[in-house]
Amino acid sequence: MRIEITQPGIFNAEGKAIAVGTELTVKSEPTAWAGRYRVLADGKDKTPVNNTVTEPSTAKEALALFSAEGVHPNKAKAMAAKFLGDKVPTDANKEAIVAKLTELAAAEDAAGAQ
């Protein structure tokens, strides 16, 4: 089973804190850590998270990351923000990034039609 640490307060066998965002493979669900992790894949009916996303080369590809199945939202957001560079909206929330990518994708389509 794959889990992701979502809250601080989880420690490894050596007593060192495990960073938030760390993904681990465990034999069974660590119920003692309830509320401090999320299950990424349990090997049964869950869709595994895809962390091997290639960098987008167009706004349309970056926009597609937000709706791709199995792509972690933070990964999609980071890749889109990297694609936008200095064009990242100052509030940088998902809706603002999607709006900017939609605007750029429309511009790409218009440029391609010429």
PDB file of N, CA and C in Angstrom:
ATOM      1  N   MET A   1       0.846  -1.165   0.000  1.00  0.00           N
ATOM      2  CA  MET A   1       0.000   0.000   0.000  1.00  0.00           C
ATOM      3  C   MET A   1       0.896   1.233   0.000  1.00  0.00           C
ATOM      4  N   ARG A   2       0.554   2.205  -0.862  1.00  0.00           N
ATOM      5  CA  ARG A   2       1.308   3.453  -0.919  1.00  0.00           C
ATOM      6  C   ARG A   2       0.540   4.517  -0.155  1.00  0.00           C
ATOM      7  N   ILE A   3       1.258   5.247   0.699  1.00  0.00           N
ATOM      8  CA  ILE A   3       0.646   6.352   1.431  1.00  0.00           C
ATOM      9  C   ILE A   3       1.509   7.594   1.258  1.00  0.00           C
ATOM     10  N   GLU A   4       0.903   8.739   1.499  1.00  0.00           N
ATOM     11  CA  GLU A   4       1.628  10.007   1.499  1.00  0.00           C
ATOM     12  C   GLU A   4       1.414  10.660   2.854  1.00  0.00           C
ATOM     13  N   ILE A   5       2.487  11.113   3.464  1.00  0.00           N
ATOM     14  CA  ILE A   5       2.409  11.804   4.743  1.00  0.00           C
ATOM     15  C   ILE A   5       1.842  13.202   4.483  1.00  0.00           C
ATOM     16  N   THR A   6       0.762  13.558   5.203  1.00  0.00           N
ATOM     17  CA  THR A   6       0.103  14.842   4.975  1.00  0.00           C
ATOM     18  C   THR A   6       0.227  15.795   6.157  1.00  0.00           C
ATOM     19  N   GLN A   7       0.645  15.297   7.305  1.00  0.00           N
ATOM     20  CA  GLN A   7       0.778  16.117   8.509  1.00  0.00           C
ATOM     21  C   GLN A   7       2.077  15.765   9.214  1.00  0.00           C
ATOM     22  N   PRO A   8       2.668  16.718   9.936  1.00  0.00           N
ATOM     23  CA  PRO A   8       3.882  16.402  10.692  1.00  0.00           C
ATOM     24  C   PRO A   8       3.566  15.491  11.878  1.00  0.00           C
ATOM     25  N   GLY A   9       4.600  14.931  12.467  1.00  0.00           N
ATOM     26  CA  GLY A   9       4.418  14.098  13.653  1.00  0.00           C
ATOM     27  C   GLY A   9       4.596  12.615  13.389  1.00  0.00           C
ATOM     28  N   ILE A  10       5.102  12.259  12.201  1.00  0.00           N
ATOM     29  CA  ILE A  10       5.381  10.869  11.864  1.00  0.00           C
ATOM     30  C   ILE A  10       6.907  10.711  11.883  1.00  0.00           C
ATOM     31  N   PHE A  11       7.375   9.652  12.548  1.00  0.00           N
ATOM     32  CA  PHE A  11       8.813   9.453  12.700  1.00  0.00           C
ATOM     33  C   PHE A  11       9.229   8.089  12.179  1.00  0.00           C
ATOM     34  N   ASN A  12      10.468   8.003  11.661  1.00  0.00           N
ATOM     35  CA  ASN A  12      10.979   6.737  11.160  1.00  0.00           C
ATOM     36  C   ASN A  12      11.549   5.905  12.316  1.00  0.00           C
ATOM     37  N   ALA A  13      12.093   4.752  11.994  1.00  0.00           N
ATOM     38  CA  ALA A  13      12.611   3.833  13.014  1.00  0.00           C
ATOM     39  C   ALA A  13      13.770   4.437  13.804  1.00  0.00           C
ATOM     40  N   GLU A  14      14.450   5.423  13.210  1.00  0.00           N
ATOM     41  CA  GLU A  14      15.573   6.071  13.883  1.00  0.00           C
ATOM     42  C   GLU A  14      15.132   7.268  14.722  1.00  0.00           C
ATOM     43  N   GLY A  15      13.825   7.541  14.750  1.00  0.00           N
ATOM     44  CA  GLY A  15      13.299   8.655  15.526  1.00  0.00           C
ATOM     45  C   GLY A  15      13.357   9.995  14.815  1.00  0.00           C
ATOM     46  N   LYS A  16      13.701   9.990  13.534  1.00  0.00           N
ATOM     47  CA  LYS A  16      13.763  11.234  12.766  1.00  0.00           C
ATOM     48  C   LYS A  16      12.409  11.493  12.108  1.00  0.00           C
ATOM     49  N   ALA A  17      12.020  12.765  12.075  1.00  0.00           N
ATOM     50  CA  ALA A  17      10.741  13.146  11.488  1.00  0.00           C
ATOM     51  C   ALA A  17      10.733  12.848   9.991  1.00  0.00           C
ATOM     52  N   ILE A  18       9.602  12.329   9.511  1.00  0.00           N
ATOM     53  CA  ILE A  18       9.406  12.087   8.085  1.00  0.00           C
ATOM     54  C   ILE A  18       8.717  13.327   7.528  1.00  0.00           C
ATOM     55  N   ALA A  19       9.278  13.912   6.491  1.00  0.00           N
ATOM     56  CA  ALA A  19       8.766  15.155   5.923  1.00  0.00           C
ATOM     57  C   ALA A  19       7.367  14.983   5.342  1.00  0.00           C
ATOM     58  N   VAL A  20       6.557  16.016   5.507  1.00  0.00           N
ATOM     59  CA  VAL A  20       5.233  16.043   4.889  1.00  0.00           C
ATOM     60  C   VAL A  20       5.425  15.964   3.371  1.00  0.00           C
ATOM     61  N   GLY A  21       4.632  15.157   2.711  1.00  0.00           N
ATOM     62  CA  GLY A  21       4.732  14.961   1.264  1.00  0.00           C
ATOM     63  C   GLY A  21       5.500  13.705   0.888  1.00  0.00           C
ATOM     64  N   THR A  22       6.170  13.082   1.873  1.00  0.00           N
ATOM     65  CA  THR A  22       6.917  11.863   1.608  1.00  0.00           C
ATOM     66  C   THR A  22       5.953  10.727   1.297  1.00  0.00           C
ATOM     67  N   GLU A  23       6.257   9.931   0.271  1.00  0.00           N
ATOM     68  CA  GLU A  23       5.456   8.765  -0.071  1.00  0.00           C
ATOM     69  C   GLU A  23       6.164   7.525   0.434  1.00  0.00           C
ATOM     70  N   LEU A  24       5.397   6.629   1.038  1.00  0.00           N
ATOM     71  CA  LEU A  24       5.940   5.402   1.605  1.00  0.00           C
ATOM     72  C   LEU A  24       5.137   4.204   1.130  1.00  0.00           C
ATOM     73  N   THR A  25       5.781   3.056   1.079  1.00  0.00           N
ATOM     74  CA  THR A  25       5.089   1.801   0.844  1.00  0.00           C
ATOM     75  C   THR A  25       5.038   1.074   2.176  1.00  0.00           C
ATOM     76  N   VAL A  26       3.829   0.710   2.618  1.00  0.00           N
ATOM     77  CA  VAL A  26       3.643   0.016   3.889  1.00  0.00           C
ATOM     78  C   VAL A  26       2.872  -1.275   3.640  1.00  0.00           C
ATOM     79  N   LYS A  27       3.041  -2.241   4.549  1.00  0.00           N
ATOM     80  CA  LYS A  27       2.362  -3.533   4.391  1.00  0.00           C
ATOM     81  C   LYS A  27       0.864  -3.424   4.654  1.00  0.00           C
ATOM     82  N   SER A  28       0.498  -2.600   5.640  1.00  0.00           N
ATOM     83  CA  SER A  28      -0.925  -2.420   5.951  1.00  0.00           C
ATOM     84  C   SER A  28      -1.147  -0.974   6.384  1.00  0.00           C
ATOM     85  N   GLU A  29      -2.393  -0.571   6.404  1.00  0.00           N
ATOM     86  CA  GLU A  29      -2.725   0.805   6.730  1.00  0.00           C
ATOM     87  C   GLU A  29      -2.306   1.128   8.163  1.00  0.00           C
ATOM     88  N   PRO A  30      -1.508   2.188   8.360  1.00  0.00           N
ATOM     89  CA  PRO A  30      -1.019   2.548   9.691  1.00  0.00           C
ATOM     90  C   PRO A  30      -2.064   3.364  10.460  1.00  0.00           C
ATOM     91  N   THR A  31      -3.048   2.700  11.019  1.00  0.00           N
ATOM     92  CA  THR A  31      -4.171   3.384  11.672  1.00  0.00           C
ATOM     93  C   THR A  31      -3.737   4.261  12.835  1.00  0.00           C
ATOM     94  N   ALA A  32      -2.593   3.990  13.434  1.00  0.00           N
ATOM     95  CA  ALA A  32      -2.094   4.835  14.521  1.00  0.00           C
ATOM     96  C   ALA A  32      -1.742   6.236  14.003  1.00  0.00           C
ATOM     97  N   TRP A  33      -1.550   6.370  12.699  1.00  0.00           N
ATOM     98  CA  TRP A  33      -1.219   7.653  12.091  1.00  0.00           C
ATOM     99  C   TRP A  33      -2.467   8.350  11.539  1.00  0.00           C
ATOM    100  N   ALA A  34      -3.634   7.923  11.913  1.00  0.00           N
ATOM    101  CA  ALA A  34      -4.898   8.440  11.371  1.00  0.00           C
ATOM    102  C   ALA A  34      -4.903   9.961  11.321  1.00  0.00           C
ATOM    103  N   GLY A  35      -5.313  10.484  10.168  1.00  0.00           N
ATOM    104  CA  GLY A  35      -5.402  11.916   9.974  1.00  0.00           C
ATOM    105  C   GLY A  35      -4.095  12.573   9.554  1.00  0.00           C
ATOM    106  N   ARG A  36      -3.012  11.794   9.503  1.00  0.00           N
ATOM    107  CA  ARG A  36      -1.715  12.370   9.146  1.00  0.00           C
ATOM    108  C   ARG A  36      -1.146  11.771   7.862  1.00  0.00           C
ATOM    109  N   TYR A  37      -1.950  10.994   7.142  1.00  0.00           N
ATOM    110  CA  TYR A  37      -1.522  10.412   5.873  1.00  0.00           C
ATOM    111  C   TYR A  37      -2.750  10.201   5.007  1.00  0.00           C
ATOM    112  N   ARG A  38      -2.491   9.937   3.730  1.00  0.00           N
ATOM    113  CA  ARG A  38      -3.586   9.546   2.834  1.00  0.00           C
ATOM    114  C   ARG A  38      -3.112   8.369   2.005  1.00  0.00           C
ATOM    115  N   VAL A  39      -4.045   7.521   1.661  1.00  0.00           N
ATOM    116  CA  VAL A  39      -3.728   6.341   0.857  1.00  0.00           C
ATOM    117  C   VAL A  39      -3.665   6.752  -0.608  1.00  0.00           C
ATOM    118  N   LEU A  40      -2.554   6.432  -1.248  1.00  0.00           N
ATOM    119  CA  LEU A  40      -2.396   6.710  -2.677  1.00  0.00           C
ATOM    120  C   LEU A  40      -2.862   5.526  -3.504  1.00  0.00           C
ATOM    121  N   ALA A  41      -2.496   4.321  -3.077  1.00  0.00           N
ATOM    122  CA  ALA A  41      -2.904   3.104  -3.775  1.00  0.00           C
ATOM    123  C   ALA A  41      -2.871   1.957  -2.781  1.00  0.00           C
ATOM    124  N   ASP A  42      -3.934   1.180  -2.766  1.00  0.00           N
ATOM    125  CA  ASP A  42      -3.953   0.046  -1.845  1.00  0.00           C
ATOM    126  C   ASP A  42      -3.841  -1.285  -2.586  1.00  0.00           C
ATOM    127  N   GLY A  43      -3.626  -1.215  -3.896  1.00  0.00           N
ATOM    128  CA  GLY A  43      -3.461  -2.437  -4.667  1.00  0.00           C
ATOM    129  C   GLY A  43      -4.772  -3.082  -5.055  1.00  0.00           C
ATOM    130  N   LYS A  44      -5.893  -2.484  -4.676  1.00  0.00           N
ATOM    131  CA  LYS A  44      -7.199  -3.073  -4.988  1.00  0.00           C
ATOM    132  C   LYS A  44      -7.945  -2.182  -5.968  1.00  0.00           C
ATOM    133  N   ASP A  45      -8.737  -1.269  -5.442  1.00  0.00           N
ATOM    134  CA  ASP A  45      -9.600  -0.482  -6.309  1.00  0.00           C
ATOM    135  C   ASP A  45      -9.207   0.985  -6.418  1.00  0.00           C
ATOM    136  N   LYS A  46      -8.094   1.373  -5.864  1.00  0.00           N
ATOM    137  CA  LYS A  46      -7.670   2.764  -5.926  1.00  0.00           C
ATOM    138  C   LYS A  46      -6.791   2.982  -7.159  1.00  0.00           C
ATOM    139  N   THR A  47      -6.907   4.157  -7.754  1.00  0.00           N
ATOM    140  CA  THR A  47      -6.080   4.514  -8.896  1.00  0.00           C
ATOM    141  C   THR A  47      -4.746   5.013  -8.361  1.00  0.00           C
ATOM    142  N   PRO A  48      -3.652   4.438  -8.804  1.00  0.00           N
ATOM    143  CA  PRO A  48      -2.352   4.897  -8.305  1.00  0.00           C
ATOM    144  C   PRO A  48      -2.047   6.318  -8.787  1.00  0.00           C
ATOM    145  N   VAL A  49      -1.303   7.039  -7.990  1.00  0.00           N
ATOM    146  CA  VAL A  49      -0.885   8.383  -8.358  1.00  0.00           C
ATOM    147  C   VAL A  49       0.268   8.279  -9.334  1.00  0.00           C
ATOM    148  N   ASN A  50       0.202   9.074 -10.376  1.00  0.00           N
ATOM    149  CA  ASN A  50       1.246   9.082 -11.398  1.00  0.00           C
ATOM    150  C   ASN A  50       2.167  10.264 -11.137  1.00  0.00           C
ATOM    151  N   ASN A  51       3.369   9.994 -10.665  1.00  0.00           N
ATOM    152  CA  ASN A  51       4.332  11.060 -10.416  1.00  0.00           C
ATOM    153  C   ASN A  51       5.394  11.135 -11.496  1.00  0.00           C
ATOM    154  N   THR A  52       5.179  10.468 -12.626  1.00  0.00           N
ATOM    155  CA  THR A  52       6.150  10.475 -13.710  1.00  0.00           C
ATOM    156  C   THR A  52       5.627  11.289 -14.885  1.00  0.00           C
ATOM    157  N   VAL A  53       5.029  12.418 -14.588  1.00  0.00           N
ATOM    158  CA  VAL A  53       4.459  13.281 -15.616  1.00  0.00           C
ATOM    159  C   VAL A  53       5.580  14.026 -16.323  1.00  0.00           C
ATOM    160  N   THR A  54       5.536  14.039 -17.652  1.00  0.00           N
ATOM    161  CA  THR A  54       6.535  14.794 -18.398  1.00  0.00           C
ATOM    162  C   THR A  54       6.143  16.263 -18.421  1.00  0.00           C
ATOM    163  N   GLU A  55       7.125  17.116 -18.543  1.00  0.00           N
ATOM    164  CA  GLU A  55       6.854  18.547 -18.547  1.00  0.00           C
ATOM    165  C   GLU A  55       6.079  18.931 -19.807  1.00  0.00           C
ATOM    166  N   PRO A  56       5.062  19.770 -19.646  1.00  0.00           N
ATOM    167  CA  PRO A  56       4.271  20.189 -20.804  1.00  0.00           C
ATOM    168  C   PRO A  56       5.062  21.140 -21.691  1.00  0.00           C
ATOM    169  N   SER A  57       4.824  21.049 -22.996  1.00  0.00           N
ATOM    170  CA  SER A  57       5.501  21.954 -23.922  1.00  0.00           C
ATOM    171  C   SER A  57       4.529  22.979 -24.507  1.00  0.00           C
ATOM    172  N   THR A  58       3.226  22.785 -24.260  1.00  0.00           N
ATOM    173  CA  THR A  58       2.220  23.751 -24.705  1.00  0.00           C
ATOM    174  C   THR A  58       1.260  24.023 -23.552  1.00  0.00           C
ATOM    175  N   ALA A  59       0.545  25.125 -23.659  1.00  0.00           N
ATOM    176  CA  ALA A  59      -0.445  25.463 -22.633  1.00  0.00           C
ATOM    177  C   ALA A  59      -1.548  24.407 -22.593  1.00  0.00           C
ATOM    178  N   LYS A  60      -1.886  23.860 -23.763  1.00  0.00           N
ATOM    179  CA  LYS A  60      -2.923  22.831 -23.838  1.00  0.00           C
ATOM    180  C   LYS A  60      -2.500  21.581 -23.056  1.00  0.00           C
ATOM    181  N   GLU A  61      -1.225  21.190 -23.178  1.00  0.00           N
ATOM    182  CA  GLU A  61      -0.715  20.036 -22.431  1.00  0.00           C
ATOM    183  C   GLU A  61      -0.712  20.321 -20.933  1.00  0.00           C
ATOM    184  N   ALA A  62      -0.312  21.525 -20.550  1.00  0.00           N
ATOM    185  CA  ALA A  62      -0.304  21.900 -19.131  1.00  0.00           C
ATOM    186  C   ALA A  62      -1.725  21.889 -18.574  1.00  0.00           C
ATOM    187  N   LEU A  63      -2.669  22.377 -19.365  1.00  0.00           N
ATOM    188  CA  LEU A  63      -4.070  22.391 -18.957  1.00  0.00           C
ATOM    189  C   LEU A  63      -4.603  20.964 -18.795  1.00  0.00           C
ATOM    190  N   ALA A  64      -4.167  20.057 -19.654  1.00  0.00           N
ATOM    191  CA  ALA A  64      -4.606  18.663 -19.583  1.00  0.00           C
ATOM    192  C   ALA A  64      -4.133  17.977 -18.300  1.00  0.00           C
ATOM    193  N   LEU A  65      -3.025  18.460 -17.717  1.00  0.00           N
ATOM    194  CA  LEU A  65      -2.528  17.863 -16.472  1.00  0.00           C
ATOM    195  C   LEU A  65      -3.562  17.937 -15.351  1.00  0.00           C
ATOM    196  N   PHE A  66      -4.350  19.007 -15.340  1.00  0.00           N
ATOM    197  CA  PHE A  66      -5.327  19.183 -14.274  1.00  0.00           C
ATOM    198  C   PHE A  66      -6.467  18.174 -14.339  1.00  0.00           C
ATOM    199  N   SER A  67      -6.717  17.605 -15.515  1.00  0.00           N
ATOM    200  CA  SER A  67      -7.817  16.652 -15.626  1.00  0.00           C
ATOM    201  C   SER A  67      -7.328  15.223 -15.845  1.00  0.00           C
ATOM    202  N   ALA A  68      -6.011  15.026 -15.930  1.00  0.00           N
ATOM    203  CA  ALA A  68      -5.474  13.682 -16.159  1.00  0.00           C
ATOM    204  C   ALA A  68      -5.694  12.802 -14.940  1.00  0.00           C
ATOM    205  N   GLU A  69      -6.177  11.601 -15.179  1.00  0.00           N
ATOM    206  CA  GLU A  69      -6.441  10.668 -14.089  1.00  0.00           C
ATOM    207  C   GLU A  69      -5.132  10.170 -13.485  1.00  0.00           C
ATOM    208  N   GLY A  70      -5.078  10.170 -12.166  1.00  0.00           N
ATOM    209  CA  GLY A  70      -3.915   9.642 -11.465  1.00  0.00           C
ATOM    210  C   GLY A  70      -2.788  10.637 -11.263  1.00  0.00           C
ATOM    211  N   VAL A  71      -2.920  11.863 -11.785  1.00  0.00           N
ATOM    212  CA  VAL A  71      -1.883  12.868 -11.580  1.00  0.00           C
ATOM    213  C   VAL A  71      -2.212  13.627 -10.301  1.00  0.00           C
ATOM    214  N   HIS A  72      -1.276  13.634  -9.385  1.00  0.00           N
ATOM    215  CA  HIS A  72      -1.482  14.321  -8.109  1.00  0.00           C
ATOM    216  C   HIS A  72      -1.703  15.809  -8.383  1.00  0.00           C
ATOM    217  N   PRO A  73      -2.722  16.421  -7.764  1.00  0.00           N
ATOM    218  CA  PRO A  73      -3.017  17.833  -8.020  1.00  0.00           C
ATOM    219  C   PRO A  73      -1.829  18.763  -7.797  1.00  0.00           C
ATOM    220  N   ASN A  74      -1.046  18.507  -6.756  1.00  0.00           N
ATOM    221  CA  ASN A  74       0.109  19.367  -6.501  1.00  0.00           C
ATOM    222  C   ASN A  74       1.159  19.224  -7.592  1.00  0.00           C
ATOM    223  N   LYS A  75       1.301  18.023  -8.138  1.00  0.00           N
ATOM    224  CA  LYS A  75       2.249  17.795  -9.230  1.00  0.00           C
ATOM    225  C   LYS A  75       1.786  18.565 -10.471  1.00  0.00           C
ATOM    226  N   ALA A  76       0.505  18.474 -10.798  1.00  0.00           N
ATOM    227  CA  ALA A  76      -0.038  19.181 -11.958  1.00  0.00           C
ATOM    228  C   ALA A  76       0.121  20.685 -11.781  1.00  0.00           C
ATOM    229  N   LYS A  77      -0.164  21.177 -10.584  1.00  0.00           N
ATOM    230  CA  LYS A  77      -0.059  22.602 -10.302  1.00  0.00           C
ATOM    231  C   LYS A  77       1.389  23.074 -10.448  1.00  0.00           C
ATOM    232  N   ALA A  78       2.331  22.290  -9.926  1.00  0.00           N
ATOM    233  CA  ALA A  78       3.750  22.653 -10.013  1.00  0.00           C
ATOM    234  C   ALA A  78       4.229  22.665 -11.463  1.00  0.00           C
ATOM    235  N   MET A  79       3.817  21.666 -12.231  1.00  0.00           N
ATOM    236  CA  MET A  79       4.236  21.596 -13.631  1.00  0.00           C
ATOM    237  C   MET A  79       3.642  22.765 -14.431  1.00  0.00           C
ATOM    238  N   ALA A  80       2.380  23.082 -14.173  1.00  0.00           N
ATOM    239  CA  ALA A  80       1.743  24.196 -14.881  1.00  0.00           C
ATOM    240  C   ALA A  80       2.408  25.512 -14.497  1.00  0.00           C
ATOM    241  N   ALA A  81       2.714  25.675 -13.217  1.00  0.00           N
ATOM    242  CA  ALA A  81       3.379  26.898 -12.763  1.00  0.00           C
ATOM    243  C   ALA A  81       4.765  27.013 -13.383  1.00  0.00           C
ATOM    244  N   LYS A  82       5.461  25.881 -13.505  1.00  0.00           N
ATOM    245  CA  LYS A  82       6.781  25.885 -14.134  1.00  0.00           C
ATOM    246  C   LYS A  82       6.646  26.283 -15.607  1.00  0.00           C
ATOM    247  N   PHE A  83       5.608  25.797 -16.266  1.00  0.00           N
ATOM    248  CA  PHE A  83       5.362  26.133 -17.665  1.00  0.00           C
ATOM    249  C   PHE A  83       5.068  27.620 -17.812  1.00  0.00           C
ATOM    250  N   LEU A  84       4.276  28.175 -16.893  1.00  0.00           N
ATOM    251  CA  LEU A  84       3.893  29.582 -16.980  1.00  0.00           C
ATOM    252  C   LEU A  84       5.042  30.525 -16.641  1.00  0.00           C
ATOM    253  N   GLY A  85       5.970  30.079 -15.820  1.00  0.00           N
ATOM    254  CA  GLY A  85       7.104  30.925 -15.439  1.00  0.00           C
ATOM    255  C   GLY A  85       6.651  32.212 -14.788  1.00  0.00           C
ATOM    256  N   ASP A  86       7.068  33.351 -15.336  1.00  0.00           N
ATOM    257  CA  ASP A  86       6.715  34.640 -14.735  1.00  0.00           C
ATOM    258  C   ASP A  86       5.268  35.054 -15.017  1.00  0.00           C
ATOM    259  N   LYS A  87       4.534  34.238 -15.759  1.00  0.00           N
ATOM    260  CA  LYS A  87       3.120  34.517 -16.037  1.00  0.00           C
ATOM    261  C   LYS A  87       2.194  33.886 -15.000  1.00  0.00           C
ATOM    262  N   VAL A  88       2.761  33.286 -13.941  1.00  0.00           N
ATOM    263  CA  VAL A  88       1.946  32.668 -12.891  1.00  0.00           C
ATOM    264  C   VAL A  88       1.137  33.760 -12.208  1.00  0.00           C
ATOM    265  N   PRO A  89      -0.182  33.569 -12.089  1.00  0.00           N
ATOM    266  CA  PRO A  89      -0.995  34.563 -11.386  1.00  0.00           C
ATOM    267  C   PRO A  89      -0.499  34.739  -9.949  1.00  0.00           C
ATOM    268  N   THR A  90      -0.610  35.953  -9.438  1.00  0.00           N
ATOM    269  CA  THR A  90      -0.079  36.227  -8.099  1.00  0.00           C
ATOM    270  C   THR A  90      -0.759  35.400  -7.012  1.00  0.00           C
ATOM    271  N   ASP A  91      -2.058  35.103  -7.171  1.00  0.00           N
ATOM    272  CA  ASP A  91      -2.729  34.279  -6.158  1.00  0.00           C
ATOM    273  C   ASP A  91      -2.437  32.792  -6.363  1.00  0.00           C
ATOM    274  N   ALA A  92      -2.023  32.389  -7.553  1.00  0.00           N
ATOM    275  CA  ALA A  92      -1.558  31.036  -7.902  1.00  0.00           C
ATOM    276  C   ALA A  92      -2.445  29.897  -7.413  1.00  0.00           C
ATOM    277  N   ASN A  93      -3.752  30.129  -7.276  1.00  0.00           N
ATOM    278  CA  ASN A  93      -4.626  29.003  -6.945  1.00  0.00           C
ATOM    279  C   ASN A  93      -4.990  28.267  -8.232  1.00  0.00           C
ATOM    280  N   LYS A  94      -5.609  27.117  -8.084  1.00  0.00           N
ATOM    281  CA  LYS A  94      -5.896  26.275  -9.243  1.00  0.00           C
ATOM    282  C   LYS A  94      -6.727  27.009 -10.292  1.00  0.00           C
ATOM    283  N   GLU A  95      -7.764  27.692  -9.860  1.00  0.00           N
ATOM    284  CA  GLU A  95      -8.652  28.379 -10.800  1.00  0.00           C
ATOM    285  C   GLU A  95      -7.906  29.459 -11.581  1.00  0.00           C
ATOM    286  N   ALA A  96      -7.029  30.208 -10.903  1.00  0.00           N
ATOM    287  CA  ALA A  96      -6.269  31.261 -11.575  1.00  0.00           C
ATOM    288  C   ALA A  96      -5.298  30.667 -12.588  1.00  0.00           C
ATOM    289  N   ILE A  97      -4.661  29.558 -12.224  1.00  0.00           N
ATOM    290  CA  ILE A  97      -3.723  28.906 -13.147  1.00  0.00           C
ATOM    291  C   ILE A  97      -4.469  28.349 -14.355  1.00  0.00           C
ATOM    292  N   VAL A  98      -5.622  27.705 -14.120  1.00  0.00           N
ATOM    293  CA  VAL A  98      -6.421  27.161 -15.224  1.00  0.00           C
ATOM    294  C   VAL A  98      -6.865  28.291 -16.154  1.00  0.00           C
ATOM    295  N   ALA A  99      -7.288  29.429 -15.591  1.00  0.00           N
ATOM    296  CA  ALA A  99      -7.717  30.562 -16.417  1.00  0.00           C
ATOM    297  C   ALA A  99      -6.567  31.058 -17.296  1.00  0.00           C
ATOM    298  N   LYS A 100      -5.378  31.183 -16.711  1.00  0.00           N
ATOM    299  CA  LYS A 100      -4.221  31.660 -17.471  1.00  0.00           C
ATOM    300  C   LYS A 100      -3.833  30.651 -18.553  1.00  0.00           C
ATOM    301  N   LEU A 101      -3.853  29.356 -18.215  1.00  0.00           N
ATOM    302  CA  LEU A 101      -3.523  28.325 -19.204  1.00  0.00           C
ATOM    303  C   LEU A 101      -4.553  28.297 -20.328  1.00  0.00           C
ATOM    304  N   THR A 102      -5.826  28.490 -19.997  1.00  0.00           N
ATOM    305  CA  THR A 102      -6.886  28.529 -21.007  1.00  0.00           C
ATOM    306  C   THR A 102      -6.659  29.699 -21.959  1.00  0.00           C
ATOM    307  N   GLU A 103      -6.296  30.834 -21.398  1.00  0.00           N
ATOM    308  CA  GLU A 103      -6.007  32.024 -22.201  1.00  0.00           C
ATOM    309  C   GLU A 103      -4.816  31.764 -23.141  1.00  0.00           C
ATOM    310  N   LEU A 104      -3.752  31.164 -22.608  1.00  0.00           N
ATOM    311  CA  LEU A 104      -2.582  30.868 -23.429  1.00  0.00           C
ATOM    312  C   LEU A 104      -2.878  29.805 -24.482  1.00  0.00           C
ATOM    313  N   ALA A 105      -3.695  28.801 -24.136  1.00  0.00           N
ATOM    314  CA  ALA A 105      -4.050  27.748 -25.094  1.00  0.00           C
ATOM    315  C   ALA A 105      -4.850  28.345 -26.252  1.00  0.00           C
ATOM    316  N   ALA A 106      -5.745  29.284 -25.946  1.00  0.00           N
ATOM    317  CA  ALA A 106      -6.526  29.944 -27.003  1.00  0.00           C
ATOM    318  C   ALA A 106      -5.592  30.745 -27.919  1.00  0.00           C
ATOM    319  N   ALA A 107      -4.608  31.406 -27.318  1.00  0.00           N
ATOM    320  CA  ALA A 107      -3.638  32.173 -28.109  1.00  0.00           C
ATOM    321  C   ALA A 107      -2.801  31.244 -28.989  1.00  0.00           C
ATOM    322  N   GLU A 108      -2.414  30.083 -28.436  1.00  0.00           N
ATOM    323  CA  GLU A 108      -1.657  29.097 -29.224  1.00  0.00           C
ATOM    324  C   GLU A 108      -2.484  28.602 -30.405  1.00  0.00           C
ATOM    325  N   ASP A 109      -3.792  28.312 -30.158  1.00  0.00           N
ATOM    326  CA  ASP A 109      -4.675  27.857 -31.225  1.00  0.00           C
ATOM    327  C   ASP A 109      -4.820  28.929 -32.312  1.00  0.00           C
ATOM    328  N   ALA A 110      -4.948  30.186 -31.881  1.00  0.00           N
ATOM    329  CA  ALA A 110      -5.109  31.287 -32.834  1.00  0.00           C
ATOM    330  C   ALA A 110      -3.831  31.442 -33.660  1.00  0.00           C
ATOM    331  N   ALA A 111      -2.688  31.321 -33.016  1.00  0.00           N
ATOM    332  CA  ALA A 111      -1.402  31.442 -33.734  1.00  0.00           C
ATOM    333  C   ALA A 111      -1.200  30.280 -34.700  1.00  0.00           C
ATOM    334  N   GLY A 112      -1.664  29.097 -34.310  1.00  0.00           N
ATOM    335  CA  GLY A 112      -1.532  27.917 -35.163  1.00  0.00           C
ATOM    336  C   GLY A 112      -2.451  27.959 -36.363  1.00  0.00           C
ATOM    337  N   ALA A 113      -3.557  28.689 -36.243  1.00  0.00           N
ATOM    338  CA  ALA A 113      -4.518  28.786 -37.328  1.00  0.00           C
ATOM    339  C   ALA A 113      -4.058  29.761 -38.402  1.00  0.00           C
ATOM    340  N   GLN A 114      -3.083  30.571 -38.079  1.00  0.00           N
ATOM    341  CA  GLN A 114      -2.632  31.590 -39.054  1.00  0.00           C
ATOM    342  C   GLN A 114      -1.613  31.029 -39.995  1.00  0.00           C
TER     343      GLN A 114
END
